[in-house]
């Protein structure tokens, strides 16, 4: 699932090779104003060995999208989600999200998930889903996105991704991506099978709210929040019918790597 060499490739969305690739922020740059007290943050990158460095918060960029995509539909997705996300990433007054607003938040989360892949070496979102997102301007229909309240954030943001193939009698690929920013956590589950599949989260279910496919009105925040352990359990939740071999292909995840790095 790793794309071709970025130096030779075009925009990851439209595929254009005749336009200059721009620096796209891994996390939306308006978050700088939301977290003004965080002048600098420690960033982590796992490229076979753990690396860390301190720099200005929310300034990390990747050069994978063209100027036209960046300044048109991508900007529209960012601007539509911004007023909804600001009171969600920091503790604030309760709010309700209708189906259109859920879609706007889900689009932002999926866009960030695609971009954040390029801060490391692993790509888990199939190109078919990247293409569907680009052409339809919404997450793929074979994707389920949930949100949760992250009650004990140990870092300003985190990103984890994993995926692989099904067992012998199933076709297609699957992926799980978990993102946290401030007090907001996202869980993204997608697959390329033709039928609809979802995850049973068991005891975690009361803490989760499905925003894609969008449904009726939901109230934020949920009554139950997730701590670090809860987010770990969220990312590692797999349906019982997935084989152990499929689970092994999960990425180690930045949260685990951060802990190992700090202990070392």
Protein backbone atom coordinates (compact mmCIF):
# COMPACT_ATOMS: atom_id res chain seq x y z
CA UNK A 1 0.00 0.00 0.00
CA UNK A 2 3.03 2.31 -0.18
CA UNK A 3 2.75 4.89 -3.01
CA UNK A 4 5.50 5.59 -5.52
CA UNK A 5 8.47 7.82 -4.75
CA UNK A 6 7.08 11.28 -3.86
CA UNK A 7 9.84 12.99 -5.83
CA UNK A 8 8.46 11.43 -9.01
CA UNK A 9 4.77 11.42 -8.12
CA UNK A 10 2.17 14.13 -8.53
CA UNK A 11 -0.59 15.33 -6.22
CA UNK A 12 -1.89 12.46 -4.10
CA UNK A 13 -5.47 13.54 -4.87
CA UNK A 14 -5.80 14.80 -8.45
CA UNK A 15 -2.60 13.15 -9.69
CA UNK A 16 -1.42 16.30 -11.47
CA UNK A 17 2.31 16.30 -12.20
CA UNK A 18 2.40 19.70 -13.94
CA UNK A 19 1.71 21.73 -10.79
CA UNK A 20 4.02 22.55 -7.93
CA UNK A 21 3.39 20.57 -4.76
CA UNK A 22 2.69 22.85 -1.81
CA UNK A 23 3.49 22.45 1.86
CA UNK A 24 0.30 21.18 3.49
CA UNK A 25 0.07 21.29 7.28
CA UNK A 26 -0.23 17.84 8.82
CA UNK A 27 -2.68 19.37 11.30
CA UNK A 28 -4.69 22.47 10.36
CA UNK A 29 -2.65 25.58 11.09
CA UNK A 30 -5.61 27.38 12.71
CA UNK A 31 -5.02 25.09 15.70
CA UNK A 32 -2.09 27.37 16.59
CA UNK A 33 -4.62 29.99 17.73
CA UNK A 34 -6.77 27.42 19.54
CA UNK A 35 -3.80 26.25 21.64
CA UNK A 36 -1.97 29.55 22.11
CA UNK A 37 -0.26 28.46 25.33
CA UNK A 38 1.51 25.65 23.49
CA UNK A 39 4.30 27.64 21.86
CA UNK A 40 6.31 24.50 21.18
CA UNK A 41 5.58 20.78 21.13
CA UNK A 42 7.59 17.58 20.96
CA UNK A 43 7.04 15.77 17.67
CA UNK A 44 7.62 12.06 17.18
CA UNK A 45 8.44 10.10 14.07
CA UNK A 46 8.97 6.35 13.81
CA UNK A 47 10.94 5.40 10.70
CA UNK A 48 12.36 2.15 12.01
CA UNK A 49 13.89 3.92 15.00
CA UNK A 50 12.27 6.50 17.21
CA UNK A 51 13.06 10.15 16.49
CA UNK A 52 11.85 13.21 18.37
CA UNK A 53 12.40 16.95 18.17
CA UNK A 54 10.91 20.14 19.57
CA UNK A 55 9.48 22.80 17.27
CA UNK A 56 6.62 25.28 17.07
CA UNK A 57 3.24 23.65 17.58
CA UNK A 58 1.19 22.71 14.50
CA UNK A 59 3.84 23.77 12.00
CA UNK A 60 4.73 20.31 10.61
CA UNK A 61 4.11 20.12 6.85
CA UNK A 62 4.29 17.56 4.06
CA UNK A 63 4.68 18.28 0.33
CA UNK A 64 2.15 15.91 -1.25
CA UNK A 65 -0.71 18.03 -2.63
CA UNK A 66 -0.87 20.56 -5.44
CA UNK A 67 -1.71 24.23 -4.96
CA UNK A 68 -5.06 23.91 -6.72
CA UNK A 69 -6.32 21.12 -4.45
CA UNK A 70 -4.88 22.78 -1.36
CA UNK A 71 -6.49 26.18 -2.00
CA UNK A 72 -9.90 25.01 -3.24
CA UNK A 73 -11.79 21.97 -1.99
CA UNK A 74 -9.32 21.11 0.79
CA UNK A 75 -9.58 24.66 2.13
CA UNK A 76 -13.38 24.45 1.99
CA UNK A 77 -13.36 21.26 4.07
CA UNK A 78 -11.06 22.88 6.62
CA UNK A 79 -13.13 26.07 6.88
CA UNK A 80 -16.43 24.20 7.21
CA UNK A 81 -15.14 22.07 10.11
CA UNK A 82 -13.23 24.79 11.96
CA UNK A 83 -16.13 26.43 13.90
CA UNK A 84 -17.40 23.00 14.93
CA UNK A 85 -14.03 21.64 16.01
CA UNK A 86 -12.85 24.62 18.08
CA UNK A 87 -15.25 23.92 21.00
CA UNK A 88 -14.60 20.17 20.70
CA UNK A 89 -10.80 20.04 20.90
CA UNK A 90 -10.85 21.98 24.18
CA UNK A 91 -13.35 21.60 27.03
CA UNK A 92 -16.21 23.97 26.37
CA UNK A 93 -19.96 24.37 26.28
CA UNK A 94 -21.99 21.35 25.04
CA UNK A 95 -23.10 21.45 21.43
CA UNK A 96 -25.27 19.43 19.09
CA UNK A 97 -24.19 18.16 15.68
CA UNK A 98 -26.76 17.55 12.97
CA UNK A 99 -26.07 15.18 10.08
CA UNK A 100 -24.53 17.91 7.89
CA UNK A 101 -22.22 19.03 10.69
CA UNK A 102 -21.25 15.43 11.42
CA UNK A 103 -20.32 15.08 7.75
CA UNK A 104 -18.19 18.23 7.92
CA UNK A 105 -16.27 16.95 10.97
CA UNK A 106 -15.88 13.49 9.40
CA UNK A 107 -14.52 14.98 6.16
CA UNK A 108 -11.91 16.92 8.13
CA UNK A 109 -10.87 13.85 10.10
CA UNK A 110 -10.50 11.73 6.96
CA UNK A 111 -8.54 14.44 5.15
CA UNK A 112 -6.16 14.74 8.11
CA UNK A 113 -5.82 10.93 8.20
CA UNK A 114 -4.70 10.85 4.57
CA UNK A 115 -2.23 13.72 5.02
CA UNK A 116 -0.83 12.44 8.33
CA UNK A 117 0.23 9.20 6.63
CA UNK A 118 2.99 11.16 4.92
CA UNK A 119 4.64 12.20 8.19
CA UNK A 120 5.97 8.62 8.34
CA UNK A 121 6.61 5.64 6.08
CA UNK A 122 3.36 3.67 6.27
CA UNK A 123 0.35 4.18 3.98
CA UNK A 124 -2.78 2.29 4.99
CA UNK A 125 -5.60 4.09 3.15
CA UNK A 126 -6.05 2.35 -0.23
CA UNK A 127 -5.73 4.56 -3.29
CA UNK A 128 -9.32 3.68 -4.23
CA UNK A 129 -10.51 5.36 -1.03
CA UNK A 130 -8.27 8.40 -1.58
CA UNK A 131 -9.76 8.72 -5.07
CA UNK A 132 -13.33 8.36 -3.80
CA UNK A 133 -12.69 11.04 -1.19
CA UNK A 134 -11.29 13.36 -3.87
CA UNK A 135 -14.12 12.82 -6.37
CA UNK A 136 -17.03 12.75 -3.90
CA UNK A 137 -15.64 15.24 -1.35
CA UNK A 138 -16.68 12.96 1.50
CA UNK A 139 -15.31 9.84 3.24
CA UNK A 140 -15.76 6.54 1.38
CA UNK A 141 -19.01 4.70 2.02
CA UNK A 142 -17.01 1.68 3.21
CA UNK A 143 -15.65 3.79 6.07
CA UNK A 144 -17.03 4.29 9.57
CA UNK A 145 -15.87 7.26 11.65
CA UNK A 146 -16.52 7.72 15.37
CA UNK A 147 -15.57 10.40 17.86
CA UNK A 148 -14.84 10.20 21.58
CA UNK A 149 -13.86 12.62 24.34
CA UNK A 150 -10.20 12.20 25.28
CA UNK A 151 -10.25 12.98 28.99
CA UNK A 152 -6.54 12.59 29.82
CA UNK A 153 -4.45 13.74 26.86
CA UNK A 154 -0.76 13.09 27.48
CA UNK A 155 0.28 14.85 24.29
CA UNK A 156 -1.23 17.61 22.20
CA UNK A 157 -1.87 15.33 19.22
CA UNK A 158 -1.35 11.69 18.31
CA UNK A 159 -1.76 9.60 15.17
CA UNK A 160 -1.84 5.84 14.81
CA UNK A 161 -2.52 3.77 11.72
CA UNK A 162 -2.61 0.11 10.82
CA UNK A 163 -4.09 -2.16 8.19
CA UNK A 164 -3.68 -5.25 6.08
CA UNK A 165 -5.55 -7.99 4.27
CA UNK A 166 -8.32 -10.37 5.23
CA UNK A 167 -7.89 -14.09 5.71
CA UNK A 168 -7.95 -16.63 2.85
CA UNK A 169 -11.67 -16.60 2.13
CA UNK A 170 -12.17 -12.83 2.31
CA UNK A 171 -11.05 -10.28 -0.24
CA UNK A 172 -9.94 -6.68 0.04
CA UNK A 173 -8.04 -4.64 2.60
CA UNK A 174 -8.86 -2.95 5.90
CA UNK A 175 -7.40 -0.07 7.88
CA UNK A 176 -7.81 1.53 11.29
CA UNK A 177 -6.67 5.07 12.05
CA UNK A 178 -6.87 6.77 15.44
CA UNK A 179 -6.26 10.51 15.78
CA UNK A 180 -6.38 12.72 18.85
CA UNK A 181 -6.16 16.48 19.03
CA UNK A 182 -6.68 18.08 22.43
CA UNK A 183 -9.77 16.52 24.02
CA UNK A 184 -11.14 15.04 20.78
CA UNK A 185 -10.41 11.52 19.53
CA UNK A 186 -11.33 10.02 16.14
CA UNK A 187 -11.57 6.35 15.22
CA UNK A 188 -11.62 5.60 11.48
CA UNK A 189 -12.32 2.08 10.20
CA UNK A 190 -12.36 1.39 6.46
CA UNK A 191 -12.23 -1.59 4.12
CA UNK A 192 -12.50 -2.44 0.44
CA UNK A 193 -14.93 -5.33 0.65
CA UNK A 194 -18.28 -5.09 -1.17
CA UNK A 195 -20.41 -5.69 1.94
CA UNK A 196 -20.90 -3.49 4.99
CA UNK A 197 -18.78 -4.29 8.07
CA UNK A 198 -18.48 -2.56 11.42
CA UNK A 199 -16.69 -3.11 14.71
CA UNK A 200 -18.35 -4.11 17.97
CA UNK A 201 -16.52 -2.09 20.63
CA UNK A 202 -18.13 -3.83 23.59
CA UNK A 203 -17.65 -1.84 26.83
CA UNK A 204 -16.22 1.13 24.89
CA UNK A 205 -19.44 1.61 22.92
CA UNK A 206 -21.09 4.15 25.34
CA UNK A 207 -18.08 6.47 24.93
CA UNK A 208 -18.32 6.57 21.12
CA UNK A 209 -20.45 8.60 18.72
CA UNK A 210 -20.74 7.66 15.06
CA UNK A 211 -20.45 10.66 12.74
CA UNK A 212 -19.96 8.80 9.45
CA UNK A 213 -22.14 7.66 7.84
CA UNK A 214 -23.90 10.66 9.37
CA UNK A 215 -27.14 10.11 11.25
CA UNK A 216 -29.48 12.07 13.49
CA UNK A 217 -28.60 14.78 15.98
CA UNK A 218 -25.88 13.89 18.49
CA UNK A 219 -24.87 15.80 21.63
CA UNK A 220 -21.22 16.55 22.42
CA UNK A 221 -19.48 15.71 24.69
CA UNK A 222 -20.48 12.14 25.56
CA UNK A 223 -21.03 11.36 29.23
CA UNK A 224 -18.09 8.95 29.25
CA UNK A 225 -14.54 9.97 28.26
CA UNK A 226 -11.55 7.85 27.30
CA UNK A 227 -8.16 8.04 28.99
CA UNK A 228 -4.86 6.84 27.47
CA UNK A 229 -5.78 3.24 28.15
CA UNK A 230 -9.17 3.74 26.53
CA UNK A 231 -7.66 5.21 23.37
CA UNK A 232 -5.26 2.25 23.20
CA UNK A 233 -8.19 -0.14 23.49
CA UNK A 234 -10.08 1.85 20.86
CA UNK A 235 -7.27 1.57 18.34
CA UNK A 236 -6.72 -2.12 19.03
CA UNK A 237 -10.38 -3.13 18.71
CA UNK A 238 -10.79 -5.74 15.99
CA UNK A 239 -13.82 -7.84 15.02
CA UNK A 240 -13.63 -11.35 16.37
CA UNK A 241 -13.72 -12.84 12.85
CA UNK A 242 -10.38 -11.27 11.87
CA UNK A 243 -7.48 -13.67 11.98
CA UNK A 244 -4.48 -13.26 14.33
CA UNK A 245 -2.28 -12.97 11.25
CA UNK A 246 -4.29 -9.94 10.11
CA UNK A 247 -3.93 -8.28 13.50
CA UNK A 248 -0.15 -8.64 13.43
CA UNK A 249 0.12 -6.25 10.48
CA UNK A 250 -1.04 -3.33 12.59
CA UNK A 251 1.38 -0.48 12.76
CA UNK A 252 3.14 -0.15 16.12
CA UNK A 253 1.45 3.23 16.53
CA UNK A 254 2.90 6.53 17.61
CA UNK A 255 1.37 6.36 21.09
CA UNK A 256 3.18 3.11 21.88
CA UNK A 257 6.37 4.46 20.34
CA UNK A 258 6.16 7.64 22.40
CA UNK A 259 5.86 5.63 25.57
CA UNK A 260 8.81 3.44 24.66
CA UNK A 261 10.83 6.53 23.83
CA UNK A 262 10.01 8.22 27.13
CA UNK A 263 10.79 5.12 29.14
CA UNK A 264 14.13 4.81 27.33
